[in-house]
């Protein structure tokens, strides 16, 4: 049998080492330090992880901000609920008054 040498389709014709595709695993930040190769990949891609000390330093800002956002959402919901309940109440009062006026007219016209 003759061996046939075909050049690679997307690369040079001389044999080179194949790069292995690496998936950088998501792991807890505090468990282990990054290896230099992983750190280089993260630096090149612009990916950055947040460390626990950074979260701790940001918490005085994040906690009140979260509370304010949740209170604003609650206020928006209460205003919406007030508007809907007022519309329901207006329709209910209108229906009841029209029934009362109709009954009063029927009572007044009765012999």
PDB file of N, CA and C in Angstrom:
ATOM      1  N   UNK A   1       0.825  -1.177   0.000  1.00  0.00           N
ATOM      2  CA  UNK A   1       0.000   0.000   0.000  1.00  0.00           C
ATOM      3  C   UNK A   1       0.873   1.247   0.000  1.00  0.00           C
ATOM      4  N   UNK A   2       0.460   2.174  -0.705  1.00  0.00           N
ATOM      5  CA  UNK A   2       1.214   3.420  -0.721  1.00  0.00           C
ATOM      6  C   UNK A   2       0.540   4.413   0.206  1.00  0.00           C
ATOM      7  N   UNK A   3       1.364   5.064   0.954  1.00  0.00           N
ATOM      8  CA  UNK A   3       0.816   6.081   1.847  1.00  0.00           C
ATOM      9  C   UNK A   3       0.696   7.375   1.081  1.00  0.00           C
ATOM     10  N   UNK A   4      -0.407   7.966   1.257  1.00  0.00           N
ATOM     11  CA  UNK A   4      -0.658   9.207   0.542  1.00  0.00           C
ATOM     12  C   UNK A   4      -0.614  10.346   1.541  1.00  0.00           C
ATOM     13  N   UNK A   5       0.167  11.322   1.268  1.00  0.00           N
ATOM     14  CA  UNK A   5       0.287  12.465   2.175  1.00  0.00           C
ATOM     15  C   UNK A   5      -0.543  13.618   1.629  1.00  0.00           C
ATOM     16  N   UNK A   6      -1.570  13.963   2.405  1.00  0.00           N
ATOM     17  CA  UNK A   6      -2.406  15.085   2.006  1.00  0.00           C
ATOM     18  C   UNK A   6      -2.096  16.266   2.903  1.00  0.00           C
ATOM     19  N   UNK A   7      -1.941  17.433   2.316  1.00  0.00           N
ATOM     20  CA  UNK A   7      -1.701  18.600   3.164  1.00  0.00           C
ATOM     21  C   UNK A   7      -2.959  18.959   3.965  1.00  0.00           C
ATOM     22  N   UNK A   8      -2.719  19.574   5.097  1.00  0.00           N
ATOM     23  CA  UNK A   8      -3.857  19.994   5.904  1.00  0.00           C
ATOM     24  C   UNK A   8      -4.636  21.068   5.156  1.00  0.00           C
ATOM     25  N   UNK A   9      -5.892  21.079   5.361  1.00  0.00           N
ATOM     26  CA  UNK A   9      -6.730  22.014   4.612  1.00  0.00           C
ATOM     27  C   UNK A   9      -6.600  23.450   5.102  1.00  0.00           C
ATOM     28  N   UNK A  10      -6.399  23.608   6.381  1.00  0.00           N
ATOM     29  CA  UNK A  10      -6.405  24.964   6.923  1.00  0.00           C
ATOM     30  C   UNK A  10      -5.087  25.318   7.583  1.00  0.00           C
ATOM     31  N   UNK A  11      -4.003  24.870   7.080  1.00  0.00           N
ATOM     32  CA  UNK A  11      -2.750  25.184   7.718  1.00  0.00           C
ATOM     33  C   UNK A  11      -1.585  24.938   6.800  1.00  0.00           C
ATOM     34  N   UNK A  12      -0.408  25.057   7.346  1.00  0.00           N
ATOM     35  CA  UNK A  12       0.783  24.820   6.513  1.00  0.00           C
ATOM     36  C   UNK A  12       0.922  23.348   6.174  1.00  0.00           C
ATOM     37  N   UNK A  13       1.732  23.089   5.167  1.00  0.00           N
ATOM     38  CA  UNK A  13       1.885  21.715   4.719  1.00  0.00           C
ATOM     39  C   UNK A  13       2.826  20.918   5.598  1.00  0.00           C
ATOM     40  N   UNK A  14       3.731  21.571   6.317  1.00  0.00           N
ATOM     41  CA  UNK A  14       4.649  20.811   7.154  1.00  0.00           C
ATOM     42  C   UNK A  14       3.947  20.408   8.444  1.00  0.00           C
ATOM     43  N   UNK A  15       4.290  19.225   8.959  1.00  0.00           N
ATOM     44  CA  UNK A  15       3.593  18.751  10.159  1.00  0.00           C
ATOM     45  C   UNK A  15       3.948  19.615  11.373  1.00  0.00           C
ATOM     46  N   UNK A  16       2.938  19.990  12.089  1.00  0.00           N
ATOM     47  CA  UNK A  16       3.116  20.783  13.309  1.00  0.00           C
ATOM     48  C   UNK A  16       2.351  20.101  14.430  1.00  0.00           C
ATOM     49  N   UNK A  17       2.639  20.543  15.610  1.00  0.00           N
ATOM     50  CA  UNK A  17       1.895  19.991  16.740  1.00  0.00           C
ATOM     51  C   UNK A  17       0.479  20.558  16.714  1.00  0.00           C
ATOM     52  N   UNK A  18      -0.455  19.689  16.981  1.00  0.00           N
ATOM     53  CA  UNK A  18      -1.844  20.145  17.017  1.00  0.00           C
ATOM     54  C   UNK A  18      -2.134  20.764  18.363  1.00  0.00           C
ATOM     55  N   UNK A  19      -2.785  21.874  18.322  1.00  0.00           N
ATOM     56  CA  UNK A  19      -3.201  22.497  19.558  1.00  0.00           C
ATOM     57  C   UNK A  19      -4.456  21.809  20.047  1.00  0.00           C
ATOM     58  N   UNK A  20      -4.495  21.570  21.331  1.00  0.00           N
ATOM     59  CA  UNK A  20      -5.698  20.977  21.900  1.00  0.00           C
ATOM     60  C   UNK A  20      -6.611  22.093  22.362  1.00  0.00           C
ATOM     61  N   UNK A  21      -7.867  21.944  22.081  1.00  0.00           N
ATOM     62  CA  UNK A  21      -8.837  22.930  22.550  1.00  0.00           C
ATOM     63  C   UNK A  21      -9.021  22.743  24.041  1.00  0.00           C
ATOM     64  N   UNK A  22      -8.869  23.802  24.772  1.00  0.00           N
ATOM     65  CA  UNK A  22      -9.012  23.725  26.223  1.00  0.00           C
ATOM     66  C   UNK A  22     -10.248  24.475  26.648  1.00  0.00           C
ATOM     67  N   UNK A  23     -10.972  23.877  27.503  1.00  0.00           N
ATOM     68  CA  UNK A  23     -12.120  24.535  28.107  1.00  0.00           C
ATOM     69  C   UNK A  23     -11.705  24.925  29.510  1.00  0.00           C
ATOM     70  N   UNK A  24     -11.805  26.210  29.780  1.00  0.00           N
ATOM     71  CA  UNK A  24     -11.424  26.675  31.107  1.00  0.00           C
ATOM     72  C   UNK A  24     -12.620  26.438  32.019  1.00  0.00           C
ATOM     73  N   UNK A  25     -12.471  25.587  33.009  1.00  0.00           N
ATOM     74  CA  UNK A  25     -13.621  25.240  33.843  1.00  0.00           C
ATOM     75  C   UNK A  25     -13.991  26.384  34.778  1.00  0.00           C
ATOM     76  N   UNK A  26     -15.284  26.494  35.025  1.00  0.00           N
ATOM     77  CA  UNK A  26     -15.747  27.434  36.030  1.00  0.00           C
ATOM     78  C   UNK A  26     -15.566  26.769  37.378  1.00  0.00           C
ATOM     79  N   UNK A  27     -14.904  27.420  38.255  1.00  0.00           N
ATOM     80  CA  UNK A  27     -14.702  26.842  39.575  1.00  0.00           C
ATOM     81  C   UNK A  27     -14.829  27.944  40.605  1.00  0.00           C
ATOM     82  N   UNK A  28     -14.924  27.528  41.823  1.00  0.00           N
ATOM     83  CA  UNK A  28     -14.993  28.518  42.881  1.00  0.00           C
ATOM     84  C   UNK A  28     -13.701  29.313  42.896  1.00  0.00           C
ATOM     85  N   UNK A  29     -13.824  30.590  43.108  1.00  0.00           N
ATOM     86  CA  UNK A  29     -12.679  31.467  42.968  1.00  0.00           C
ATOM     87  C   UNK A  29     -11.658  31.223  44.068  1.00  0.00           C
ATOM     88  N   UNK A  30     -12.097  30.967  45.257  1.00  0.00           N
ATOM     89  CA  UNK A  30     -11.186  30.840  46.368  1.00  0.00           C
ATOM     90  C   UNK A  30     -10.490  29.493  46.455  1.00  0.00           C
ATOM     91  N   UNK A  31     -10.869  28.517  45.661  1.00  0.00           N
ATOM     92  CA  UNK A  31     -10.326  27.169  45.805  1.00  0.00           C
ATOM     93  C   UNK A  31      -8.862  27.078  45.411  1.00  0.00           C
ATOM     94  N   UNK A  32      -8.541  27.513  44.232  1.00  0.00           N
ATOM     95  CA  UNK A  32      -7.178  27.336  43.748  1.00  0.00           C
ATOM     96  C   UNK A  32      -6.774  28.551  42.935  1.00  0.00           C
ATOM     97  N   UNK A  33      -5.507  28.731  42.791  1.00  0.00           N
ATOM     98  CA  UNK A  33      -5.033  29.825  41.956  1.00  0.00           C
ATOM     99  C   UNK A  33      -5.012  29.370  40.513  1.00  0.00           C
ATOM    100  N   UNK A  34      -5.044  30.322  39.619  1.00  0.00           N
ATOM    101  CA  UNK A  34      -5.004  29.994  38.207  1.00  0.00           C
ATOM    102  C   UNK A  34      -3.592  29.628  37.794  1.00  0.00           C
ATOM    103  N   UNK A  35      -3.498  28.693  36.906  1.00  0.00           N
ATOM    104  CA  UNK A  35      -2.191  28.396  36.336  1.00  0.00           C
ATOM    105  C   UNK A  35      -1.828  29.515  35.368  1.00  0.00           C
ATOM    106  N   UNK A  36      -0.570  29.647  35.079  1.00  0.00           N
ATOM    107  CA  UNK A  36      -0.121  30.772  34.255  1.00  0.00           C
ATOM    108  C   UNK A  36      -0.736  30.723  32.852  1.00  0.00           C
ATOM    109  N   UNK A  37      -0.892  29.537  32.291  1.00  0.00           N
ATOM    110  CA  UNK A  37      -1.484  29.428  30.956  1.00  0.00           C
ATOM    111  C   UNK A  37      -2.941  29.873  30.981  1.00  0.00           C
ATOM    112  N   UNK A  38      -3.687  29.457  32.007  1.00  0.00           N
ATOM    113  CA  UNK A  38      -5.086  29.875  32.124  1.00  0.00           C
ATOM    114  C   UNK A  38      -5.176  31.369  32.363  1.00  0.00           C
ATOM    115  N   UNK A  39      -4.278  31.903  33.174  1.00  0.00           N
ATOM    116  CA  UNK A  39      -4.284  33.337  33.439  1.00  0.00           C
ATOM    117  C   UNK A  39      -3.996  34.116  32.168  1.00  0.00           C
ATOM    118  N   UNK A  40      -3.099  33.608  31.330  1.00  0.00           N
ATOM    119  CA  UNK A  40      -2.789  34.285  30.074  1.00  0.00           C
ATOM    120  C   UNK A  40      -3.987  34.287  29.143  1.00  0.00           C
ATOM    121  N   UNK A  41      -4.706  33.167  29.084  1.00  0.00           N
ATOM    122  CA  UNK A  41      -5.901  33.090  28.234  1.00  0.00           C
ATOM    123  C   UNK A  41      -6.963  34.051  28.740  1.00  0.00           C
ATOM    124  N   UNK A  42      -7.171  34.084  30.051  1.00  0.00           N
ATOM    125  CA  UNK A  42      -8.157  34.990  30.609  1.00  0.00           C
ATOM    126  C   UNK A  42      -7.773  36.439  30.359  1.00  0.00           C
ATOM    127  N   UNK A  43      -6.483  36.742  30.435  1.00  0.00           N
ATOM    128  CA  UNK A  43      -6.036  38.110  30.199  1.00  0.00           C
ATOM    129  C   UNK A  43      -6.242  38.503  28.748  1.00  0.00           C
ATOM    130  N   UNK A  44      -5.926  37.595  27.828  1.00  0.00           N
ATOM    131  CA  UNK A  44      -6.070  37.902  26.396  1.00  0.00           C
ATOM    132  C   UNK A  44      -7.524  38.097  26.012  1.00  0.00           C
ATOM    133  N   UNK A  45      -8.410  37.305  26.567  1.00  0.00           N
ATOM    134  CA  UNK A  45      -9.823  37.405  26.192  1.00  0.00           C
ATOM    135  C   UNK A  45     -10.547  38.503  26.939  1.00  0.00           C
ATOM    136  N   UNK A  46      -9.901  39.112  27.895  1.00  0.00           N
ATOM    137  CA  UNK A  46     -10.542  40.183  28.638  1.00  0.00           C
ATOM    138  C   UNK A  46     -11.466  39.679  29.727  1.00  0.00           C
ATOM    139  N   UNK A  47     -11.424  38.393  29.998  1.00  0.00           N
ATOM    140  CA  UNK A  47     -12.276  37.827  31.034  1.00  0.00           C
ATOM    141  C   UNK A  47     -11.647  38.107  32.389  1.00  0.00           C
ATOM    142  N   UNK A  48     -12.474  38.502  33.328  1.00  0.00           N
ATOM    143  CA  UNK A  48     -11.958  38.793  34.658  1.00  0.00           C
ATOM    144  C   UNK A  48     -12.910  38.209  35.676  1.00  0.00           C
ATOM    145  N   UNK A  49     -12.370  37.638  36.700  1.00  0.00           N
ATOM    146  CA  UNK A  49     -13.207  37.099  37.756  1.00  0.00           C
ATOM    147  C   UNK A  49     -13.205  38.069  38.925  1.00  0.00           C
ATOM    148  N   UNK A  50     -14.225  38.002  39.720  1.00  0.00           N
ATOM    149  CA  UNK A  50     -14.315  38.874  40.885  1.00  0.00           C
ATOM    150  C   UNK A  50     -13.958  38.050  42.113  1.00  0.00           C
ATOM    151  N   UNK A  51     -13.065  38.592  42.899  1.00  0.00           N
ATOM    152  CA  UNK A  51     -12.576  37.873  44.068  1.00  0.00           C
ATOM    153  C   UNK A  51     -13.463  38.173  45.263  1.00  0.00           C
ATOM    154  N   UNK A  52     -13.457  37.301  46.269  1.00  0.00           N
ATOM    155  CA  UNK A  52     -14.302  37.513  47.445  1.00  0.00           C
ATOM    156  C   UNK A  52     -14.009  38.824  48.169  1.00  0.00           C
ATOM    157  N   UNK A  53     -12.780  39.263  48.186  1.00  0.00           N
ATOM    158  CA  UNK A  53     -12.460  40.520  48.861  1.00  0.00           C
ATOM    159  C   UNK A  53     -13.090  41.699  48.120  1.00  0.00           C
ATOM    160  N   UNK A  54     -13.173  41.594  46.800  1.00  0.00           N
ATOM    161  CA  UNK A  54     -13.821  42.650  46.024  1.00  0.00           C
ATOM    162  C   UNK A  54     -15.312  42.698  46.300  1.00  0.00           C
ATOM    163  N   UNK A  55     -15.917  41.534  46.447  1.00  0.00           N
ATOM    164  CA  UNK A  55     -17.338  41.490  46.794  1.00  0.00           C
ATOM    165  C   UNK A  55     -17.553  42.107  48.167  1.00  0.00           C
ATOM    166  N   UNK A  56     -16.662  41.799  49.086  1.00  0.00           N
ATOM    167  CA  UNK A  56     -16.754  42.349  50.431  1.00  0.00           C
ATOM    168  C   UNK A  56     -16.599  43.862  50.413  1.00  0.00           C
ATOM    169  N   UNK A  57     -15.700  44.368  49.591  1.00  0.00           N
ATOM    170  CA  UNK A  57     -15.508  45.814  49.503  1.00  0.00           C
ATOM    171  C   UNK A  57     -16.668  46.508  48.802  1.00  0.00           C
ATOM    172  N   UNK A  58     -17.322  45.816  47.884  1.00  0.00           N
ATOM    173  CA  UNK A  58     -18.451  46.407  47.169  1.00  0.00           C
ATOM    174  C   UNK A  58     -19.779  46.270  47.919  1.00  0.00           C
ATOM    175  N   UNK A  59     -19.835  45.425  48.925  1.00  0.00           N
ATOM    176  CA  UNK A  59     -21.100  45.177  49.613  1.00  0.00           C
ATOM    177  C   UNK A  59     -21.701  46.418  50.271  1.00  0.00           C
ATOM    178  N   UNK A  60     -20.931  47.368  50.819  1.00  0.00           N
ATOM    179  CA  UNK A  60     -21.584  48.568  51.354  1.00  0.00           C
ATOM    180  C   UNK A  60     -22.317  49.388  50.294  1.00  0.00           C
ATOM    181  N   UNK A  61     -21.943  49.207  49.046  1.00  0.00           N
ATOM    182  CA  UNK A  61     -22.645  49.898  47.962  1.00  0.00           C
ATOM    183  C   UNK A  61     -23.780  49.036  47.424  1.00  0.00           C
ATOM    184  N   UNK A  62     -23.525  47.739  47.273  1.00  0.00           N
ATOM    185  CA  UNK A  62     -24.496  46.847  46.635  1.00  0.00           C
ATOM    186  C   UNK A  62     -25.720  46.577  47.500  1.00  0.00           C
ATOM    187  N   UNK A  63     -25.543  46.435  48.805  1.00  0.00           N
ATOM    188  CA  UNK A  63     -26.673  46.108  49.676  1.00  0.00           C
ATOM    189  C   UNK A  63     -27.696  47.249  49.710  1.00  0.00           C
ATOM    190  N   UNK A  64     -27.316  48.499  49.992  1.00  0.00           N
ATOM    191  CA  UNK A  64     -28.321  49.570  49.962  1.00  0.00           C
ATOM    192  C   UNK A  64     -28.924  49.783  48.580  1.00  0.00           C
ATOM    193  N   UNK A  65     -28.098  49.623  47.539  1.00  0.00           N
ATOM    194  CA  UNK A  65     -28.616  49.777  46.185  1.00  0.00           C
ATOM    195  C   UNK A  65     -29.667  48.714  45.875  1.00  0.00           C
ATOM    196  N   UNK A  66     -29.430  47.497  46.313  1.00  0.00           N
ATOM    197  CA  UNK A  66     -30.395  46.418  46.121  1.00  0.00           C
ATOM    198  C   UNK A  66     -31.680  46.697  46.894  1.00  0.00           C
ATOM    199  N   UNK A  67     -31.538  47.186  48.113  1.00  0.00           N
ATOM    200  CA  UNK A  67     -32.721  47.506  48.923  1.00  0.00           C
ATOM    201  C   UNK A  67     -33.535  48.614  48.275  1.00  0.00           C
ATOM    202  N   UNK A  68     -32.864  49.643  47.747  1.00  0.00           N
ATOM    203  CA  UNK A  68     -33.578  50.739  47.087  1.00  0.00           C
ATOM    204  C   UNK A  68     -34.321  50.247  45.859  1.00  0.00           C
ATOM    205  N   UNK A  69     -33.667  49.409  45.056  1.00  0.00           N
ATOM    206  CA  UNK A  69     -34.323  48.885  43.845  1.00  0.00           C
ATOM    207  C   UNK A  69     -35.535  48.040  44.215  1.00  0.00           C
ATOM    208  N   UNK A  70     -35.413  47.196  45.237  1.00  0.00           N
ATOM    209  CA  UNK A  70     -36.546  46.365  45.653  1.00  0.00           C
ATOM    210  C   UNK A  70     -37.687  47.216  46.206  1.00  0.00           C
ATOM    211  N   UNK A  71     -37.372  48.260  46.955  1.00  0.00           N
ATOM    212  CA  UNK A  71     -38.427  49.139  47.470  1.00  0.00           C
ATOM    213  C   UNK A  71     -39.114  49.910  46.341  1.00  0.00           C
ATOM    214  N   UNK A  72     -38.350  50.325  45.335  1.00  0.00           N
ATOM    215  CA  UNK A  72     -38.971  50.997  44.191  1.00  0.00           C
ATOM    216  C   UNK A  72     -39.885  50.052  43.414  1.00  0.00           C
ATOM    217  N   UNK A  73     -39.465  48.811  43.263  1.00  0.00           N
ATOM    218  CA  UNK A  73     -40.346  47.834  42.609  1.00  0.00           C
ATOM    219  C   UNK A  73     -41.615  47.597  43.420  1.00  0.00           C
ATOM    220  N   UNK A  74     -41.478  47.541  44.736  1.00  0.00           N
ATOM    221  CA  UNK A  74     -42.653  47.380  45.595  1.00  0.00           C
ATOM    222  C   UNK A  74     -43.578  48.580  45.480  1.00  0.00           C
ATOM    223  N   UNK A  75     -43.019  49.792  45.451  1.00  0.00           N
ATOM    224  CA  UNK A  75     -43.844  51.000  45.308  1.00  0.00           C
ATOM    225  C   UNK A  75     -44.568  51.008  43.961  1.00  0.00           C
ATOM    226  N   UNK A  76     -43.872  50.601  42.897  1.00  0.00           N
ATOM    227  CA  UNK A  76     -44.500  50.546  41.578  1.00  0.00           C
ATOM    228  C   UNK A  76     -45.662  49.550  41.588  1.00  0.00           C
ATOM    229  N   UNK A  77     -45.473  48.401  42.208  1.00  0.00           N
ATOM    230  CA  UNK A  77     -46.541  47.415  42.280  1.00  0.00           C
ATOM    231  C   UNK A  77     -47.723  47.936  43.095  1.00  0.00           C
ATOM    232  N   UNK A  78     -47.448  48.627  44.205  1.00  0.00           N
ATOM    233  CA  UNK A  78     -48.537  49.166  45.032  1.00  0.00           C
ATOM    234  C   UNK A  78     -49.313  50.237  44.260  1.00  0.00           C
ATOM    235  N   UNK A  79     -48.611  51.085  43.505  1.00  0.00           N
ATOM    236  CA  UNK A  79     -49.303  52.097  42.696  1.00  0.00           C
ATOM    237  C   UNK A  79     -50.157  51.438  41.614  1.00  0.00           C
ATOM    238  N   UNK A  80     -49.631  50.399  40.977  1.00  0.00           N
ATOM    239  CA  UNK A  80     -50.404  49.700  39.962  1.00  0.00           C
ATOM    240  C   UNK A  80     -51.637  49.054  40.589  1.00  0.00           C
ATOM    241  N   UNK A  81     -51.453  48.429  41.747  1.00  0.00           N
ATOM    242  CA  UNK A  81     -52.570  47.789  42.432  1.00  0.00           C
ATOM    243  C   UNK A  81     -53.618  48.818  42.848  1.00  0.00           C
ATOM    244  N   UNK A  82     -53.193  50.005  43.285  1.00  0.00           N
ATOM    245  CA  UNK A  82     -54.122  51.076  43.652  1.00  0.00           C
ATOM    246  C   UNK A  82     -54.922  51.543  42.437  1.00  0.00           C
ATOM    247  N   UNK A  83     -54.245  51.693  41.298  1.00  0.00           N
ATOM    248  CA  UNK A  83     -54.943  52.133  40.088  1.00  0.00           C
ATOM    249  C   UNK A  83     -55.964  51.093  39.644  1.00  0.00           C
ATOM    250  N   UNK A  84     -55.596  49.836  39.649  1.00  0.00           N
ATOM    251  CA  UNK A  84     -56.526  48.789  39.226  1.00  0.00           C
ATOM    252  C   UNK A  84     -57.691  48.686  40.195  1.00  0.00           C
ATOM    253  N   UNK A  85     -57.422  48.743  41.495  1.00  0.00           N
ATOM    254  CA  UNK A  85     -58.514  48.645  42.465  1.00  0.00           C
ATOM    255  C   UNK A  85     -59.437  49.862  42.385  1.00  0.00           C
ATOM    256  N   UNK A  86     -58.918  51.042  42.085  1.00  0.00           N
ATOM    257  CA  UNK A  86     -59.793  52.207  41.930  1.00  0.00           C
ATOM    258  C   UNK A  86     -60.680  52.054  40.702  1.00  0.00           C
ATOM    259  N   UNK A  87     -60.142  51.504  39.609  1.00  0.00           N
ATOM    260  CA  UNK A  87     -60.977  51.267  38.424  1.00  0.00           C
ATOM    261  C   UNK A  87     -62.078  50.250  38.711  1.00  0.00           C
ATOM    262  N   UNK A  88     -61.728  49.204  39.430  1.00  0.00           N
ATOM    263  CA  UNK A  88     -62.740  48.202  39.795  1.00  0.00           C
ATOM    264  C   UNK A  88     -63.791  48.820  40.705  1.00  0.00           C
ATOM    265  N   UNK A  89     -63.346  49.636  41.670  1.00  0.00           N
ATOM    266  CA  UNK A  89     -64.293  50.262  42.594  1.00  0.00           C
ATOM    267  C   UNK A  89     -65.219  51.225  41.864  1.00  0.00           C
ATOM    268  N   UNK A  90     -64.696  52.003  40.936  1.00  0.00           N
ATOM    269  CA  UNK A  90     -65.537  52.936  40.170  1.00  0.00           C
ATOM    270  C   UNK A  90     -66.572  52.172  39.363  1.00  0.00           C
ATOM    271  N   UNK A  91     -66.193  51.097  38.712  1.00  0.00           N
ATOM    272  CA  UNK A  91     -67.152  50.306  37.935  1.00  0.00           C
ATOM    273  C   UNK A  91     -68.203  49.672  38.841  1.00  0.00           C
ATOM    274  N   UNK A  92     -67.778  49.180  39.995  1.00  0.00           N
ATOM    275  CA  UNK A  92     -68.724  48.572  40.927  1.00  0.00           C
ATOM    276  C   UNK A  92     -69.721  49.598  41.452  1.00  0.00           C
ATOM    277  N   UNK A  93     -69.238  50.783  41.829  1.00  0.00           N
ATOM    278  CA  UNK A  93     -70.137  51.848  42.313  1.00  0.00           C
ATOM    279  C   UNK A  93     -71.096  52.283  41.215  1.00  0.00           C
ATOM    280  N   UNK A  94     -70.612  52.402  39.993  1.00  0.00           N
ATOM    281  CA  UNK A  94     -71.483  52.791  38.883  1.00  0.00           C
ATOM    282  C   UNK A  94     -72.569  51.746  38.643  1.00  0.00           C
ATOM    283  N   UNK A  95     -72.204  50.473  38.691  1.00  0.00           N
ATOM    284  CA  UNK A  95     -73.196  49.418  38.489  1.00  0.00           C
ATOM    285  C   UNK A  95     -74.234  49.413  39.610  1.00  0.00           C
ATOM    286  N   UNK A  96     -73.771  49.572  40.841  1.00  0.00           N
ATOM    287  CA  UNK A  96     -74.706  49.561  41.971  1.00  0.00           C
ATOM    288  C   UNK A  96     -75.642  50.760  41.917  1.00  0.00           C
ATOM    289  N   UNK A  97     -75.116  51.940  41.603  1.00  0.00           N
ATOM    290  CA  UNK A  97     -75.989  53.132  41.542  1.00  0.00           C
ATOM    291  C   UNK A  97     -76.994  53.027  40.402  1.00  0.00           C
ATOM    292  N   UNK A  98     -76.576  52.450  39.266  1.00  0.00           N
ATOM    293  CA  UNK A  98     -77.544  52.325  38.174  1.00  0.00           C
ATOM    294  C   UNK A  98     -78.663  51.345  38.547  1.00  0.00           C
ATOM    295  N   UNK A  99     -78.312  50.281  39.296  1.00  0.00           N
ATOM    296  CA  UNK A  99     -79.342  49.339  39.742  1.00  0.00           C
ATOM    297  C   UNK A  99     -80.277  50.021  40.727  1.00  0.00           C
ATOM    298  N   UNK A 100     -79.715  50.809  41.646  1.00  0.00           N
ATOM    299  CA  UNK A 100     -80.543  51.506  42.644  1.00  0.00           C
ATOM    300  C   UNK A 100     -81.465  52.517  41.967  1.00  0.00           C
ATOM    301  N   UNK A 101     -80.950  53.282  41.010  1.00  0.00           N
ATOM    302  CA  UNK A 101     -81.794  54.251  40.314  1.00  0.00           C
ATOM    303  C   UNK A 101     -82.904  53.546  39.530  1.00  0.00           C
ATOM    304  N   UNK A 102     -82.563  52.403  38.930  1.00  0.00           N
ATOM    305  CA  UNK A 102     -83.592  51.668  38.196  1.00  0.00           C
ATOM    306  C   UNK A 102     -84.678  51.154  39.142  1.00  0.00           C
ATOM    307  N   UNK A 103     -84.271  50.644  40.292  1.00  0.00           N
ATOM    308  CA  UNK A 103     -85.252  50.145  41.262  1.00  0.00           C
ATOM    309  C   UNK A 103     -86.079  51.282  41.842  1.00  0.00           C
ATOM    310  N   UNK A 104     -85.448  52.417  42.104  1.00  0.00           N
ATOM    311  CA  UNK A 104     -86.209  53.570  42.610  1.00  0.00           C
ATOM    312  C   UNK A 104     -87.209  54.057  41.580  1.00  0.00           C
ATOM    313  N   UNK A 105     -86.829  54.070  40.319  1.00  0.00           N
ATOM    314  CA  UNK A 105     -87.769  54.481  39.268  1.00  0.00           C
ATOM    315  C   UNK A 105     -88.906  53.501  39.161  1.00  0.00           C
ATOM    316  N   UNK A 106     -88.637  52.218  39.322  1.00  0.00           N
ATOM    317  CA  UNK A 106     -89.698  51.215  39.250  1.00  0.00           C
ATOM    318  C   UNK A 106     -90.632  51.340  40.447  1.00  0.00           C
ATOM    319  N   UNK A 107     -90.083  51.686  41.608  1.00  0.00           N
ATOM    320  CA  UNK A 107     -90.909  51.842  42.811  1.00  0.00           C
ATOM    321  C   UNK A 107     -91.784  53.083  42.676  1.00  0.00           C
ATOM    322  N   UNK A 108     -91.222  54.153  42.131  1.00  0.00           N
ATOM    323  CA  UNK A 108     -91.995  55.390  41.971  1.00  0.00           C
ATOM    324  C   UNK A 108     -93.098  55.256  40.940  1.00  0.00           C
ATOM    325  N   UNK A 109     -92.894  54.447  39.913  1.00  0.00           N
ATOM    326  CA  UNK A 109     -93.902  54.280  38.867  1.00  0.00           C
ATOM    327  C   UNK A 109     -94.953  53.232  39.239  1.00  0.00           C
ATOM    328  N   UNK A 110     -94.687  52.453  40.259  1.00  0.00           N
ATOM    329  CA  UNK A 110     -95.650  51.418  40.622  1.00  0.00           C
ATOM    330  C   UNK A 110     -96.922  52.047  41.205  1.00  0.00           C
ATOM    331  N   UNK A 111     -98.072  51.465  40.864  1.00  0.00           N
ATOM    332  CA  UNK A 111     -99.344  52.055  41.353  1.00  0.00           C
ATOM    333  C   UNK A 111     -99.598  51.807  42.807  1.00  0.00           C
TER     334      UNK A 111
END
